[in-house]
């Protein structure tokens, strides 16, 4: 198995989701990719089965916040002050999606603890909610209003939200590592009653926390990225290699400048 690390920097929501999906479709036998990226402008992503009707598009347009669909499931996230990761892995059917989800989160946890020892209290969620019921509730509109089993929490509060999809023999898993608290403003852009707004505000305040909130200091994104690379290499006992990106077919909507990316290896 060859492992590749890609740092694709800051890009639009459509670029980021196309990148993950096309990489998953083109991932070759014996390949795994670990990608880190950010969002410019800020963007709300919806789960593949979530309706755009929950978003007030007039408000998002006014403040230049993108709205896109993810190729994975889950619920709405406002991608802002965060570092986003993606893992694209070619697997056989001896590996379950759940086990891969679990192992990736263990690797991320190792990376966060490498970044700062004050993150030693980060742990995995050990309870799986009944999502079929949860999605019918108001808090079921938001990813960070509830935790799935194996997601990362700090003293009971969710700090990383992840989603996964299997495409044939390839797993795509990506997720948000919360750095600042701008993500909580998502409730300003949902179609909510006053009662629903107050409920979701309380859910986010009580159930999520950010790296900067824990440390009371700004996050060094370069150092965080290096720490996550360390965690992946340490946990999976691998070293990342440099390689040319597979011949990805981009959508015509992407400009040439948007197609630029940085490919990095850590040997």
Protein backbone atom coordinates (compact mmCIF):
# COMPACT_ATOMS: atom_id res chain seq x y z
CA UNK A 1 0.00 0.00 0.00
CA UNK A 2 1.31 3.44 -0.96
CA UNK A 3 0.17 6.45 1.06
CA UNK A 4 0.16 9.98 -0.34
CA UNK A 5 -0.30 13.30 1.45
CA UNK A 6 -1.87 16.23 -0.37
CA UNK A 7 -2.21 19.78 0.94
CA UNK A 8 -4.58 21.49 -1.48
CA UNK A 9 -4.91 24.76 0.46
CA UNK A 10 -8.04 26.94 0.45
CA UNK A 11 -10.65 26.50 -2.29
CA UNK A 12 -14.36 26.88 -2.99
CA UNK A 13 -16.91 24.42 -1.68
CA UNK A 14 -17.64 22.94 -5.10
CA UNK A 15 -13.91 22.49 -5.77
CA UNK A 16 -13.34 20.74 -2.45
CA UNK A 17 -16.26 18.34 -2.84
CA UNK A 18 -15.41 17.60 -6.49
CA UNK A 19 -11.79 16.99 -5.50
CA UNK A 20 -12.73 14.43 -2.84
CA UNK A 21 -15.26 12.65 -5.03
CA UNK A 22 -13.10 12.51 -8.14
CA UNK A 23 -10.09 11.36 -6.14
CA UNK A 24 -12.22 8.55 -4.69
CA UNK A 25 -13.36 7.54 -8.18
CA UNK A 26 -9.79 7.54 -9.51
CA UNK A 27 -8.00 5.98 -6.53
CA UNK A 28 -5.95 3.03 -7.77
CA UNK A 29 -5.30 -0.40 -6.31
CA UNK A 30 -2.87 -0.20 -3.40
CA UNK A 31 -3.32 3.57 -2.95
CA UNK A 32 -4.43 5.71 -0.02
CA UNK A 33 -4.62 9.51 -0.01
CA UNK A 34 -4.68 11.83 3.00
CA UNK A 35 -5.69 15.36 2.06
CA UNK A 36 -5.90 18.54 4.16
CA UNK A 37 -7.74 21.63 2.97
CA UNK A 38 -9.66 24.78 3.90
CA UNK A 39 -12.58 26.73 2.44
CA UNK A 40 -12.60 30.10 0.69
CA UNK A 41 -15.15 31.58 0.88
CA UNK A 42 -16.69 29.98 3.94
CA UNK A 43 -19.20 27.33 2.97
CA UNK A 44 -22.16 25.37 4.31
CA UNK A 45 -22.12 21.75 3.18
CA UNK A 46 -25.21 19.57 3.36
CA UNK A 47 -25.31 15.80 3.56
CA UNK A 48 -26.05 14.02 0.29
CA UNK A 49 -29.63 13.32 1.35
CA UNK A 50 -30.31 16.68 3.02
CA UNK A 51 -32.55 19.22 1.30
CA UNK A 52 -31.47 22.74 0.35
CA UNK A 53 -34.84 23.86 1.75
CA UNK A 54 -33.35 24.02 5.25
CA UNK A 55 -31.00 26.85 4.16
CA UNK A 56 -31.94 30.53 3.77
CA UNK A 57 -30.05 31.11 0.51
CA UNK A 58 -30.83 34.84 0.51
CA UNK A 59 -28.90 35.25 3.76
CA UNK A 60 -25.95 33.12 2.66
CA UNK A 61 -25.71 35.07 -0.60
CA UNK A 62 -25.68 38.37 1.29
CA UNK A 63 -22.57 37.39 3.25
CA UNK A 64 -20.85 35.38 0.49
CA UNK A 65 -21.18 31.97 2.09
CA UNK A 66 -21.28 29.09 -0.39
CA UNK A 67 -23.75 26.22 -0.09
CA UNK A 68 -22.88 22.80 -1.52
CA UNK A 69 -23.82 19.14 -1.20
CA UNK A 70 -21.32 16.61 0.10
CA UNK A 71 -20.97 13.24 -1.61
CA UNK A 72 -21.22 11.74 1.89
CA UNK A 73 -24.12 11.64 4.34
CA UNK A 74 -24.71 13.49 7.57
CA UNK A 75 -26.10 16.94 8.21
CA UNK A 76 -25.24 20.62 7.72
CA UNK A 77 -21.84 22.08 8.64
CA UNK A 78 -20.56 25.64 8.29
CA UNK A 79 -16.95 25.25 7.18
CA UNK A 80 -15.09 28.31 8.42
CA UNK A 81 -12.35 28.34 11.06
CA UNK A 82 -11.40 24.72 10.64
CA UNK A 83 -8.95 22.33 9.01
CA UNK A 84 -10.70 19.72 6.89
CA UNK A 85 -9.29 16.28 6.24
CA UNK A 86 -10.11 13.61 3.68
CA UNK A 87 -8.95 10.02 3.49
CA UNK A 88 -9.45 8.10 0.25
CA UNK A 89 -8.56 4.44 0.60
CA UNK A 90 -8.80 1.49 -1.79
CA UNK A 91 -9.92 -1.52 0.25
CA UNK A 92 -11.23 -5.03 -0.13
CA UNK A 93 -14.36 -6.37 1.49
CA UNK A 94 -12.47 -7.88 4.44
CA UNK A 95 -12.37 -4.38 5.96
CA UNK A 96 -15.60 -2.89 7.26
CA UNK A 97 -16.44 0.77 6.82
CA UNK A 98 -16.96 1.03 10.58
CA UNK A 99 -13.48 -0.30 11.36
CA UNK A 100 -11.89 2.15 8.91
CA UNK A 101 -13.90 5.02 10.43
CA UNK A 102 -12.68 4.00 13.88
CA UNK A 103 -9.02 3.71 12.87
CA UNK A 104 -8.93 7.04 11.03
CA UNK A 105 -10.31 8.80 14.08
CA UNK A 106 -7.69 7.14 16.28
CA UNK A 107 -5.01 8.47 13.94
CA UNK A 108 -6.50 11.99 14.05
CA UNK A 109 -6.61 11.80 17.84
CA UNK A 110 -2.93 10.87 17.91
CA UNK A 111 -2.17 13.86 15.70
CA UNK A 112 -4.12 16.30 17.87
CA UNK A 113 -2.31 15.06 20.97
CA UNK A 114 0.98 15.56 19.14
CA UNK A 115 -0.03 19.19 18.46
CA UNK A 116 -0.54 19.98 22.14
CA UNK A 117 -0.48 17.83 25.27
CA UNK A 118 -3.52 19.69 26.55
CA UNK A 119 -5.51 17.59 24.06
CA UNK A 120 -4.76 14.42 26.03
CA UNK A 121 -8.40 14.37 27.18
CA UNK A 122 -9.65 13.85 23.62
CA UNK A 123 -11.39 10.48 23.29
CA UNK A 124 -13.71 8.53 21.00
CA UNK A 125 -17.48 8.61 21.34
CA UNK A 126 -18.60 5.10 22.31
CA UNK A 127 -22.35 5.40 21.73
CA UNK A 128 -24.08 5.35 18.36
CA UNK A 129 -27.29 7.41 18.20
CA UNK A 130 -30.31 6.21 16.23
CA UNK A 131 -29.94 8.56 13.28
CA UNK A 132 -33.25 7.61 11.69
CA UNK A 133 -34.97 9.13 14.73
CA UNK A 134 -32.44 11.92 15.30
CA UNK A 135 -32.89 13.33 11.79
CA UNK A 136 -36.57 13.89 12.54
CA UNK A 137 -35.68 16.17 15.45
CA UNK A 138 -34.63 19.83 15.21
CA UNK A 139 -31.06 19.04 16.27
CA UNK A 140 -30.93 16.50 13.45
CA UNK A 141 -30.42 19.42 11.05
CA UNK A 142 -26.80 19.91 12.19
CA UNK A 143 -23.77 17.63 12.17
CA UNK A 144 -22.28 19.13 15.33
CA UNK A 145 -25.46 18.88 17.39
CA UNK A 146 -24.80 15.17 18.00
CA UNK A 147 -21.87 12.73 17.92
CA UNK A 148 -21.63 9.43 16.06
CA UNK A 149 -19.75 6.46 17.47
CA UNK A 150 -15.95 6.85 17.15
CA UNK A 151 -16.10 10.61 16.54
CA UNK A 152 -13.68 12.70 18.60
CA UNK A 153 -14.76 14.52 21.76
CA UNK A 154 -13.00 16.63 24.36
CA UNK A 155 -14.45 16.25 27.84
CA UNK A 156 -17.78 15.22 26.40
CA UNK A 157 -17.97 17.84 23.63
CA UNK A 158 -17.59 17.07 19.92
CA UNK A 159 -14.45 18.47 18.31
CA UNK A 160 -14.27 16.62 14.97
CA UNK A 161 -17.23 15.70 12.76
CA UNK A 162 -16.78 13.08 10.03
CA UNK A 163 -18.77 11.47 7.24
CA UNK A 164 -18.05 8.45 5.08
CA UNK A 165 -19.13 6.85 1.83
CA UNK A 166 -18.14 3.64 0.08
CA UNK A 167 -17.77 3.81 -3.70
CA UNK A 168 -17.22 0.26 -4.89
CA UNK A 169 -13.84 -0.78 -3.48
CA UNK A 170 -12.96 2.73 -2.30
CA UNK A 171 -13.75 4.49 0.97
CA UNK A 172 -14.08 8.27 1.08
CA UNK A 173 -14.06 9.74 4.57
CA UNK A 174 -13.77 13.43 5.29
CA UNK A 175 -14.43 15.68 8.23
CA UNK A 176 -14.10 19.01 10.00
CA UNK A 177 -11.57 19.66 12.75
CA UNK A 178 -12.99 22.66 14.58
CA UNK A 179 -10.41 25.37 15.28
CA UNK A 180 -12.50 28.52 15.91
CA UNK A 181 -16.15 29.05 16.86
CA UNK A 182 -17.43 30.67 13.64
CA UNK A 183 -19.11 27.36 12.76
CA UNK A 184 -21.78 28.06 15.38
CA UNK A 185 -23.17 30.87 13.21
CA UNK A 186 -24.75 28.27 10.96
CA UNK A 187 -28.03 28.72 12.82
CA UNK A 188 -28.21 32.25 11.39
CA UNK A 189 -28.58 30.76 7.90
CA UNK A 190 -31.12 28.02 8.55
CA UNK A 191 -34.85 28.36 8.10
CA UNK A 192 -35.83 28.11 11.76
CA UNK A 193 -38.53 29.26 14.12
CA UNK A 194 -37.41 31.24 17.15
CA UNK A 195 -37.87 28.17 19.32
CA UNK A 196 -35.78 26.02 16.96
CA UNK A 197 -33.07 28.69 16.79
CA UNK A 198 -32.74 28.80 20.57
CA UNK A 199 -32.72 25.02 20.82
CA UNK A 200 -29.95 24.62 18.25
CA UNK A 201 -27.91 27.42 19.82
CA UNK A 202 -28.08 25.57 23.13
CA UNK A 203 -27.19 22.23 21.47
CA UNK A 204 -24.11 23.71 19.79
CA UNK A 205 -22.96 25.50 22.95
CA UNK A 206 -23.41 22.40 25.08
CA UNK A 207 -22.20 19.72 22.68
CA UNK A 208 -19.29 21.21 20.71
CA UNK A 209 -15.94 22.77 21.47
CA UNK A 210 -13.06 24.09 19.37
CA UNK A 211 -9.29 23.79 19.57
CA UNK A 212 -8.86 27.53 20.16
CA UNK A 213 -11.47 27.46 22.94
CA UNK A 214 -9.60 24.68 24.71
CA UNK A 215 -6.16 26.30 24.37
CA UNK A 216 -7.26 29.96 24.66
CA UNK A 217 -4.96 30.77 21.74
CA UNK A 218 -5.00 30.85 17.95
CA UNK A 219 -4.24 27.65 16.08
CA UNK A 220 -1.10 27.37 13.98
CA UNK A 221 -2.58 25.61 10.93
CA UNK A 222 0.80 24.60 9.52
CA UNK A 223 1.80 22.98 12.79
CA UNK A 224 -1.63 21.35 13.08
CA UNK A 225 -1.28 19.89 9.60
CA UNK A 226 2.19 18.53 10.41
CA UNK A 227 0.84 17.00 13.62
CA UNK A 228 -2.00 15.26 11.79
CA UNK A 229 0.45 13.87 9.24
CA UNK A 230 2.51 12.56 12.17
CA UNK A 231 -0.57 10.96 13.72
CA UNK A 232 -1.54 9.20 10.50
CA UNK A 233 1.99 7.89 9.92
CA UNK A 234 2.40 6.78 13.50
CA UNK A 235 -0.98 5.06 13.80
CA UNK A 236 -0.90 3.26 10.46
CA UNK A 237 2.88 2.64 10.62
CA UNK A 238 3.46 4.18 7.19
CA UNK A 239 5.40 6.99 5.53
CA UNK A 240 3.79 9.32 3.02
CA UNK A 241 5.23 9.46 -0.48
CA UNK A 242 5.17 12.14 -3.13
CA UNK A 243 3.44 11.32 -6.40
CA UNK A 244 1.62 12.88 -9.29
CA UNK A 245 -2.10 13.27 -8.76
CA UNK A 246 -4.17 10.81 -10.82
CA UNK A 247 -5.64 12.25 -14.00
CA UNK A 248 -8.75 13.72 -12.39
CA UNK A 249 -11.50 14.93 -14.69
CA UNK A 250 -12.70 18.24 -13.26
CA UNK A 251 -16.08 19.78 -13.89
CA UNK A 252 -16.14 22.51 -16.53
CA UNK A 253 -17.24 25.01 -13.89
CA UNK A 254 -13.78 24.99 -12.34
CA UNK A 255 -11.39 27.63 -13.60
CA UNK A 256 -7.77 26.84 -14.37
CA UNK A 257 -6.64 28.80 -11.31
CA UNK A 258 -8.94 26.72 -9.10
CA UNK A 259 -7.31 23.54 -10.34
CA UNK A 260 -3.96 24.43 -8.81
CA UNK A 261 -2.94 22.55 -5.73
CA UNK A 262 0.16 21.72 -3.70
CA UNK A 263 1.26 18.11 -3.40
CA UNK A 264 3.51 17.37 -0.46
CA UNK A 265 5.21 14.25 0.85
CA UNK A 266 6.70 13.51 4.23
CA UNK A 267 9.49 10.95 4.05
